Amino acid sequence: MPTRNLIVAILLMCVVAPAQTLTMLTEATSKMPTGTSFQAKDDSGHLYHGHLVCRRAGHLLRRGSMILVFDEPFELVNSDQEGVIRPRLSKKRLALQLGASAAAGKLMDDSVDTAIGPGKARYLGFAVTALAILWQRGSDAKLQPGDTIEVQPSR
Protein backbone atom coordinates (compact mmCIF):
# COMPACT_ATOMS: atom_id res chain seq x y z
CA MET A 1 0.00 0.00 0.00
CA PRO A 2 2.80 2.55 0.77
CA THR A 3 4.39 1.86 -2.61
CA ARG A 4 1.08 2.65 -4.33
CA ASN A 5 0.97 6.08 -2.62
CA LEU A 6 4.58 6.69 -3.61
CA ILE A 7 3.82 5.84 -7.23
CA VAL A 8 0.81 8.18 -7.25
CA ALA A 9 2.93 10.97 -5.75
CA ILE A 10 5.63 10.50 -8.37
CA LEU A 11 3.07 10.52 -11.19
CA LEU A 12 1.50 13.72 -9.85
CA MET A 13 4.90 15.41 -9.67
CA CYS A 14 5.53 14.45 -13.30
CA VAL A 15 2.14 15.73 -14.45
CA VAL A 16 2.29 19.10 -12.65
CA ALA A 17 4.70 21.34 -14.54
CA PRO A 18 7.05 23.46 -12.46
CA ALA A 19 6.56 27.21 -12.35
CA GLN A 20 9.01 29.28 -14.34
CA THR A 21 10.18 32.79 -13.41
CA LEU A 22 10.16 35.39 -16.19
CA THR A 23 11.61 38.90 -16.08
CA MET A 24 9.66 41.66 -17.82
CA LEU A 25 11.62 43.51 -20.53
CA THR A 26 8.93 46.06 -21.36
CA GLU A 27 6.65 48.16 -19.20
CA ALA A 28 3.04 47.03 -18.87
CA THR A 29 0.29 49.11 -17.23
CA SER A 30 -3.48 48.98 -17.24
CA LYS A 31 -3.44 52.47 -18.85
CA MET A 32 -2.16 50.95 -22.11
CA PRO A 33 -4.62 50.03 -24.85
CA THR A 34 -5.67 46.41 -25.18
CA GLY A 35 -3.47 44.58 -27.66
CA THR A 36 -0.20 46.30 -26.67
CA SER A 37 2.64 43.81 -27.00
CA PHE A 38 5.13 42.94 -24.26
CA GLN A 39 8.27 40.85 -23.88
CA ALA A 40 9.70 38.79 -21.04
CA LYS A 41 12.69 36.49 -20.73
CA ASP A 42 13.56 33.52 -18.56
CA ASP A 43 16.83 32.78 -16.77
CA SER A 44 18.31 31.05 -19.80
CA GLY A 45 17.66 34.11 -21.98
CA HIS A 46 14.75 32.72 -24.04
CA LEU A 47 12.35 35.52 -25.07
CA TYR A 48 8.59 35.23 -24.64
CA HIS A 49 6.11 37.51 -26.39
CA GLY A 50 2.48 38.34 -25.81
CA HIS A 51 -0.12 41.09 -25.64
CA LEU A 52 -2.11 42.85 -22.90
CA VAL A 53 -5.83 42.86 -22.21
CA CYS A 54 -6.36 45.98 -20.09
CA ARG A 55 -9.13 47.68 -18.12
CA ARG A 56 -8.35 51.22 -16.98
CA ALA A 57 -8.98 52.35 -13.44
CA GLY A 58 -12.36 53.90 -12.87
CA HIS A 59 -13.66 56.07 -10.08
CA LEU A 60 -12.18 55.98 -6.58
CA LEU A 61 -12.67 52.30 -5.68
CA ARG A 62 -12.46 50.74 -9.15
CA ARG A 63 -8.90 49.56 -9.65
CA GLY A 64 -7.37 48.95 -13.05
CA SER A 65 -6.46 45.45 -14.16
CA MET A 66 -4.56 43.69 -16.93
CA ILE A 67 -4.14 40.18 -18.25
CA LEU A 68 -0.89 39.03 -19.82
CA VAL A 69 -1.74 36.80 -22.79
CA PHE A 70 1.36 34.92 -23.95
CA ASP A 71 1.86 33.66 -27.50
CA GLU A 72 3.15 30.43 -25.90
CA PRO A 73 0.73 28.32 -23.85
CA PHE A 74 1.51 29.89 -20.42
CA GLU A 75 -0.64 31.11 -17.57
CA LEU A 76 0.29 33.33 -14.62
CA VAL A 77 0.82 31.76 -11.23
CA ASN A 78 1.22 34.78 -8.96
CA SER A 79 -1.92 36.71 -9.89
CA ASP A 80 -5.08 36.99 -7.82
CA GLN A 81 -7.40 34.95 -10.08
CA GLU A 82 -7.41 33.61 -13.62
CA GLY A 83 -4.28 35.51 -14.66
CA VAL A 84 -5.62 38.98 -13.77
CA ILE A 85 -3.10 41.44 -12.32
CA ARG A 86 -4.55 44.13 -10.05
CA PRO A 87 -2.89 46.67 -7.76
CA ARG A 88 -3.27 46.26 -4.02
CA LEU A 89 -6.12 48.25 -2.48
CA SER A 90 -4.42 50.74 -0.17
CA LYS A 91 -6.60 51.95 2.68
CA LYS A 92 -4.08 54.70 3.41
CA ARG A 93 -4.38 56.05 -0.15
CA LEU A 94 -8.17 55.87 0.06
CA ALA A 95 -8.19 57.78 3.36
CA LEU A 96 -5.91 60.46 1.90
CA GLN A 97 -8.13 60.86 -1.15
CA LEU A 98 -11.30 61.17 0.93
CA GLY A 99 -9.60 63.58 3.35
CA ALA A 100 -8.34 65.77 0.52
CA SER A 101 -11.84 65.87 -0.98
CA ALA A 102 -13.36 66.92 2.34
CA ALA A 103 -10.63 69.54 2.79
CA ALA A 104 -11.38 70.99 -0.67
CA GLY A 105 -15.07 71.26 0.24
CA LYS A 106 -14.27 72.92 3.56
CA LEU A 107 -11.94 75.45 1.90
CA MET A 108 -14.67 76.31 -0.62
CA ASP A 109 -17.21 76.63 2.20
CA ASP A 110 -14.94 79.00 4.16
CA SER A 111 -13.98 81.10 1.14
CA VAL A 112 -17.57 81.93 0.11
CA ASP A 113 -19.15 81.97 3.60
CA THR A 114 -19.36 85.75 3.91
CA ALA A 115 -20.21 86.39 0.25
CA ILE A 116 -23.29 84.16 -0.14
CA GLY A 117 -24.20 83.34 3.45
CA PRO A 118 -23.47 80.33 5.64
CA GLY A 119 -26.46 78.21 4.50
CA LYS A 120 -25.65 78.35 0.79
CA ALA A 121 -21.93 77.99 1.50
CA ARG A 122 -22.54 74.62 3.20
CA TYR A 123 -24.36 73.30 0.13
CA LEU A 124 -21.56 74.56 -2.12
CA GLY A 125 -18.93 72.92 0.11
CA PHE A 126 -20.86 69.63 0.03
CA ALA A 127 -21.11 69.82 -3.78
CA VAL A 128 -17.38 70.48 -4.12
CA THR A 129 -16.62 67.53 -1.82
CA ALA A 130 -18.87 65.22 -3.86
CA LEU A 131 -17.35 66.37 -7.16
CA ALA A 132 -13.82 65.92 -5.81
CA ILE A 133 -14.65 62.34 -4.77
CA LEU A 134 -16.16 61.56 -8.18
CA TRP A 135 -13.23 63.18 -10.00
CA GLN A 136 -10.57 60.94 -8.42
CA ARG A 137 -9.53 57.68 -10.02
CA GLY A 138 -8.52 54.30 -8.65
CA SER A 139 -5.00 52.94 -8.97
CA ASP A 140 -3.65 51.27 -12.10
CA ALA A 141 -1.86 47.92 -12.34
CA LYS A 142 1.81 48.28 -13.31
CA LEU A 143 4.70 46.02 -14.22
CA GLN A 144 8.06 47.71 -14.74
CA PRO A 145 11.00 46.33 -16.74
CA GLY A 146 12.89 44.03 -14.38
CA ASP A 147 9.80 42.87 -12.44
CA THR A 148 9.45 39.11 -12.19
CA ILE A 149 6.36 37.02 -12.82
CA GLU A 150 5.82 33.30 -12.39
CA VAL A 151 4.22 31.30 -15.18
CA GLN A 152 3.51 27.67 -15.79
CA PRO A 153 2.54 25.82 -18.95
CA SER A 154 -1.22 25.73 -19.38
CA ARG A 155 -3.06 22.53 -20.09
C-alpha atoms as a PDB file:
ATOM      1  CA  MET A   1       0.000   0.000   0.000  1.00  0.00           C
ATOM      2  CA  PRO A   2       2.799   2.551   0.773  1.00  0.00           C
ATOM      3  CA  THR A   3       4.385   1.860  -2.609  1.00  0.00           C
ATOM      4  CA  ARG A   4       1.076   2.652  -4.326  1.00  0.00           C
ATOM      5  CA  ASN A   5       0.974   6.079  -2.616  1.00  0.00           C
ATOM      6  CA  LEU A   6       4.581   6.687  -3.607  1.00  0.00           C
ATOM      7  CA  ILE A   7       3.818   5.837  -7.227  1.00  0.00           C
ATOM      8  CA  VAL A   8       0.807   8.175  -7.250  1.00  0.00           C
ATOM      9  CA  ALA A   9       2.931  10.973  -5.746  1.00  0.00           C
ATOM     10  CA  ILE A  10       5.632  10.498  -8.373  1.00  0.00           C
ATOM     11  CA  LEU A  11       3.071  10.524 -11.192  1.00  0.00           C
ATOM     12  CA  LEU A  12       1.498  13.723  -9.847  1.00  0.00           C
ATOM     13  CA  MET A  13       4.898  15.407  -9.674  1.00  0.00           C
ATOM     14  CA  CYS A  14       5.534  14.446 -13.296  1.00  0.00           C
ATOM     15  CA  VAL A  15       2.140  15.727 -14.454  1.00  0.00           C
ATOM     16  CA  VAL A  16       2.293  19.097 -12.652  1.00  0.00           C
ATOM     17  CA  ALA A  17       4.699  21.340 -14.536  1.00  0.00           C
ATOM     18  CA  PRO A  18       7.053  23.462 -12.459  1.00  0.00           C
ATOM     19  CA  ALA A  19       6.561  27.209 -12.355  1.00  0.00           C
ATOM     20  CA  GLN A  20       9.014  29.279 -14.341  1.00  0.00           C
ATOM     21  CA  THR A  21      10.177  32.787 -13.406  1.00  0.00           C
ATOM     22  CA  LEU A  22      10.164  35.389 -16.192  1.00  0.00           C
ATOM     23  CA  THR A  23      11.612  38.901 -16.080  1.00  0.00           C
ATOM     24  CA  MET A  24       9.661  41.664 -17.822  1.00  0.00           C
ATOM     25  CA  LEU A  25      11.617  43.511 -20.529  1.00  0.00           C
ATOM     26  CA  THR A  26       8.931  46.063 -21.362  1.00  0.00           C
ATOM     27  CA  GLU A  27       6.646  48.159 -19.199  1.00  0.00           C
ATOM     28  CA  ALA A  28       3.044  47.031 -18.868  1.00  0.00           C
ATOM     29  CA  THR A  29       0.289  49.106 -17.228  1.00  0.00           C
ATOM     30  CA  SER A  30      -3.477  48.983 -17.240  1.00  0.00           C
ATOM     31  CA  LYS A  31      -3.441  52.468 -18.849  1.00  0.00           C
ATOM     32  CA  MET A  32      -2.158  50.953 -22.105  1.00  0.00           C
ATOM     33  CA  PRO A  33      -4.615  50.026 -24.846  1.00  0.00           C
ATOM     34  CA  THR A  34      -5.668  46.406 -25.179  1.00  0.00           C
ATOM     35  CA  GLY A  35      -3.467  44.577 -27.663  1.00  0.00           C
ATOM     36  CA  THR A  36      -0.204  46.301 -26.672  1.00  0.00           C
ATOM     37  CA  SER A  37       2.640  43.813 -27.001  1.00  0.00           C
ATOM     38  CA  PHE A  38       5.132  42.943 -24.258  1.00  0.00           C
ATOM     39  CA  GLN A  39       8.265  40.855 -23.881  1.00  0.00           C
ATOM     40  CA  ALA A  40       9.700  38.794 -21.042  1.00  0.00           C
ATOM     41  CA  LYS A  41      12.692  36.492 -20.733  1.00  0.00           C
ATOM     42  CA  ASP A  42      13.559  33.521 -18.559  1.00  0.00           C
ATOM     43  CA  ASP A  43      16.828  32.781 -16.769  1.00  0.00           C
ATOM     44  CA  SER A  44      18.311  31.047 -19.801  1.00  0.00           C
ATOM     45  CA  GLY A  45      17.657  34.112 -21.980  1.00  0.00           C
ATOM     46  CA  HIS A  46      14.746  32.724 -24.036  1.00  0.00           C
ATOM     47  CA  LEU A  47      12.349  35.521 -25.069  1.00  0.00           C
ATOM     48  CA  TYR A  48       8.591  35.228 -24.639  1.00  0.00           C
ATOM     49  CA  HIS A  49       6.108  37.507 -26.392  1.00  0.00           C
ATOM     50  CA  GLY A  50       2.479  38.336 -25.807  1.00  0.00           C
ATOM     51  CA  HIS A  51      -0.119  41.087 -25.639  1.00  0.00           C
ATOM     52  CA  LEU A  52      -2.109  42.847 -22.905  1.00  0.00           C
ATOM     53  CA  VAL A  53      -5.827  42.856 -22.208  1.00  0.00           C
ATOM     54  CA  CYS A  54      -6.364  45.982 -20.087  1.00  0.00           C
ATOM     55  CA  ARG A  55      -9.127  47.678 -18.122  1.00  0.00           C
ATOM     56  CA  ARG A  56      -8.348  51.217 -16.980  1.00  0.00           C
ATOM     57  CA  ALA A  57      -8.981  52.347 -13.439  1.00  0.00           C
ATOM     58  CA  GLY A  58     -12.363  53.897 -12.868  1.00  0.00           C
ATOM     59  CA  HIS A  59     -13.656  56.069 -10.079  1.00  0.00           C
ATOM     60  CA  LEU A  60     -12.180  55.981  -6.580  1.00  0.00           C
ATOM     61  CA  LEU A  61     -12.674  52.297  -5.677  1.00  0.00           C
ATOM     62  CA  ARG A  62     -12.460  50.735  -9.152  1.00  0.00           C
ATOM     63  CA  ARG A  63      -8.895  49.557  -9.653  1.00  0.00           C
ATOM     64  CA  GLY A  64      -7.370  48.952 -13.054  1.00  0.00           C
ATOM     65  CA  SER A  65      -6.458  45.445 -14.162  1.00  0.00           C
ATOM     66  CA  MET A  66      -4.563  43.687 -16.925  1.00  0.00           C
ATOM     67  CA  ILE A  67      -4.142  40.177 -18.247  1.00  0.00           C
ATOM     68  CA  LEU A  68      -0.888  39.027 -19.824  1.00  0.00           C
ATOM     69  CA  VAL A  69      -1.740  36.802 -22.792  1.00  0.00           C
ATOM     70  CA  PHE A  70       1.359  34.916 -23.954  1.00  0.00           C
ATOM     71  CA  ASP A  71       1.858  33.657 -27.501  1.00  0.00           C
ATOM     72  CA  GLU A  72       3.151  30.430 -25.900  1.00  0.00           C
ATOM     73  CA  PRO A  73       0.730  28.318 -23.849  1.00  0.00           C
ATOM     74  CA  PHE A  74       1.513  29.887 -20.423  1.00  0.00           C
ATOM     75  CA  GLU A  75      -0.640  31.110 -17.574  1.00  0.00           C
ATOM     76  CA  LEU A  76       0.293  33.334 -14.620  1.00  0.00           C
ATOM     77  CA  VAL A  77       0.820  31.758 -11.230  1.00  0.00           C
ATOM     78  CA  ASN A  78       1.216  34.783  -8.960  1.00  0.00           C
ATOM     79  CA  SER A  79      -1.924  36.706  -9.895  1.00  0.00           C
ATOM     80  CA  ASP A  80      -5.077  36.992  -7.824  1.00  0.00           C
ATOM     81  CA  GLN A  81      -7.397  34.949 -10.077  1.00  0.00           C
ATOM     82  CA  GLU A  82      -7.406  33.606 -13.620  1.00  0.00           C
ATOM     83  CA  GLY A  83      -4.275  35.508 -14.665  1.00  0.00           C
ATOM     84  CA  VAL A  84      -5.616  38.977 -13.772  1.00  0.00           C
ATOM     85  CA  ILE A  85      -3.103  41.437 -12.324  1.00  0.00           C
ATOM     86  CA  ARG A  86      -4.549  44.126 -10.049  1.00  0.00           C
ATOM     87  CA  PRO A  87      -2.888  46.667  -7.757  1.00  0.00           C
ATOM     88  CA  ARG A  88      -3.273  46.265  -4.019  1.00  0.00           C
ATOM     89  CA  LEU A  89      -6.118  48.247  -2.477  1.00  0.00           C
ATOM     90  CA  SER A  90      -4.415  50.744  -0.169  1.00  0.00           C
ATOM     91  CA  LYS A  91      -6.596  51.948   2.680  1.00  0.00           C
ATOM     92  CA  LYS A  92      -4.078  54.697   3.411  1.00  0.00           C
ATOM     93  CA  ARG A  93      -4.377  56.045  -0.147  1.00  0.00           C
ATOM     94  CA  LEU A  94      -8.165  55.870   0.055  1.00  0.00           C
ATOM     95  CA  ALA A  95      -8.189  57.779   3.362  1.00  0.00           C
ATOM     96  CA  LEU A  96      -5.909  60.465   1.902  1.00  0.00           C
ATOM     97  CA  GLN A  97      -8.131  60.861  -1.152  1.00  0.00           C
ATOM     98  CA  LEU A  98     -11.296  61.174   0.925  1.00  0.00           C
ATOM     99  CA  GLY A  99      -9.601  63.578   3.354  1.00  0.00           C
ATOM    100  CA  ALA A 100      -8.338  65.772   0.521  1.00  0.00           C
ATOM    101  CA  SER A 101     -11.844  65.869  -0.983  1.00  0.00           C
ATOM    102  CA  ALA A 102     -13.359  66.923   2.344  1.00  0.00           C
ATOM    103  CA  ALA A 103     -10.631  69.544   2.790  1.00  0.00           C
ATOM    104  CA  ALA A 104     -11.376  70.992  -0.666  1.00  0.00           C
ATOM    105  CA  GLY A 105     -15.067  71.262   0.244  1.00  0.00           C
ATOM    106  CA  LYS A 106     -14.271  72.925   3.561  1.00  0.00           C
ATOM    107  CA  LEU A 107     -11.944  75.447   1.895  1.00  0.00           C
ATOM    108  CA  MET A 108     -14.668  76.314  -0.624  1.00  0.00           C
ATOM    109  CA  ASP A 109     -17.206  76.631   2.199  1.00  0.00           C
ATOM    110  CA  ASP A 110     -14.943  78.996   4.165  1.00  0.00           C
ATOM    111  CA  SER A 111     -13.985  81.097   1.144  1.00  0.00           C
ATOM    112  CA  VAL A 112     -17.573  81.931   0.112  1.00  0.00           C
ATOM    113  CA  ASP A 113     -19.145  81.968   3.597  1.00  0.00           C
ATOM    114  CA  THR A 114     -19.356  85.750   3.908  1.00  0.00           C
ATOM    115  CA  ALA A 115     -20.208  86.390   0.253  1.00  0.00           C
ATOM    116  CA  ILE A 116     -23.287  84.165  -0.142  1.00  0.00           C
ATOM    117  CA  GLY A 117     -24.197  83.341   3.448  1.00  0.00           C
ATOM    118  CA  PRO A 118     -23.469  80.329   5.642  1.00  0.00           C
ATOM    119  CA  GLY A 119     -26.465  78.209   4.503  1.00  0.00           C
ATOM    120  CA  LYS A 120     -25.654  78.347   0.789  1.00  0.00           C
ATOM    121  CA  ALA A 121     -21.926  77.988   1.495  1.00  0.00           C
ATOM    122  CA  ARG A 122     -22.538  74.620   3.205  1.00  0.00           C
ATOM    123  CA  TYR A 123     -24.361  73.304   0.133  1.00  0.00           C
ATOM    124  CA  LEU A 124     -21.563  74.561  -2.120  1.00  0.00           C
ATOM    125  CA  GLY A 125     -18.935  72.919   0.113  1.00  0.00           C
ATOM    126  CA  PHE A 126     -20.856  69.634   0.027  1.00  0.00           C
ATOM    127  CA  ALA A 127     -21.114  69.821  -3.780  1.00  0.00           C
ATOM    128  CA  VAL A 128     -17.375  70.480  -4.117  1.00  0.00           C
ATOM    129  CA  THR A 129     -16.622  67.525  -1.825  1.00  0.00           C
ATOM    130  CA  ALA A 130     -18.874  65.221  -3.864  1.00  0.00           C
ATOM    131  CA  LEU A 131     -17.349  66.371  -7.164  1.00  0.00           C
ATOM    132  CA  ALA A 132     -13.819  65.917  -5.809  1.00  0.00           C
ATOM    133  CA  ILE A 133     -14.648  62.343  -4.769  1.00  0.00           C
ATOM    134  CA  LEU A 134     -16.164  61.557  -8.184  1.00  0.00           C
ATOM    135  CA  TRP A 135     -13.226  63.182 -10.002  1.00  0.00           C
ATOM    136  CA  GLN A 136     -10.572  60.943  -8.420  1.00  0.00           C
ATOM    137  CA  ARG A 137      -9.530  57.680 -10.016  1.00  0.00           C
ATOM    138  CA  GLY A 138      -8.520  54.299  -8.653  1.00  0.00           C
ATOM    139  CA  SER A 139      -4.998  52.936  -8.966  1.00  0.00           C
ATOM    140  CA  ASP A 140      -3.648  51.270 -12.097  1.00  0.00           C
ATOM    141  CA  ALA A 141      -1.865  47.921 -12.339  1.00  0.00           C
ATOM    142  CA  LYS A 142       1.810  48.279 -13.310  1.00  0.00           C
ATOM    143  CA  LEU A 143       4.703  46.015 -14.221  1.00  0.00           C
ATOM    144  CA  GLN A 144       8.062  47.713 -14.745  1.00  0.00           C
ATOM    145  CA  PRO A 145      11.002  46.326 -16.744  1.00  0.00           C
ATOM    146  CA  GLY A 146      12.887  44.029 -14.382  1.00  0.00           C
ATOM    147  CA  ASP A 147       9.804  42.869 -12.435  1.00  0.00           C
ATOM    148  CA  THR A 148       9.454  39.111 -12.194  1.00  0.00           C
ATOM    149  CA  ILE A 149       6.358  37.019 -12.823  1.00  0.00           C
ATOM    150  CA  GLU A 150       5.821  33.297 -12.391  1.00  0.00           C
ATOM    151  CA  VAL A 151       4.220  31.304 -15.183  1.00  0.00           C
ATOM    152  CA  GLN A 152       3.513  27.666 -15.793  1.00  0.00           C
ATOM    153  CA  PRO A 153       2.542  25.824 -18.949  1.00  0.00           C
ATOM    154  CA  SER A 154      -1.220  25.734 -19.376  1.00  0.00           C
ATOM    155  CA  ARG A 155      -3.057  22.533 -20.095  1.00  0.00           C
END
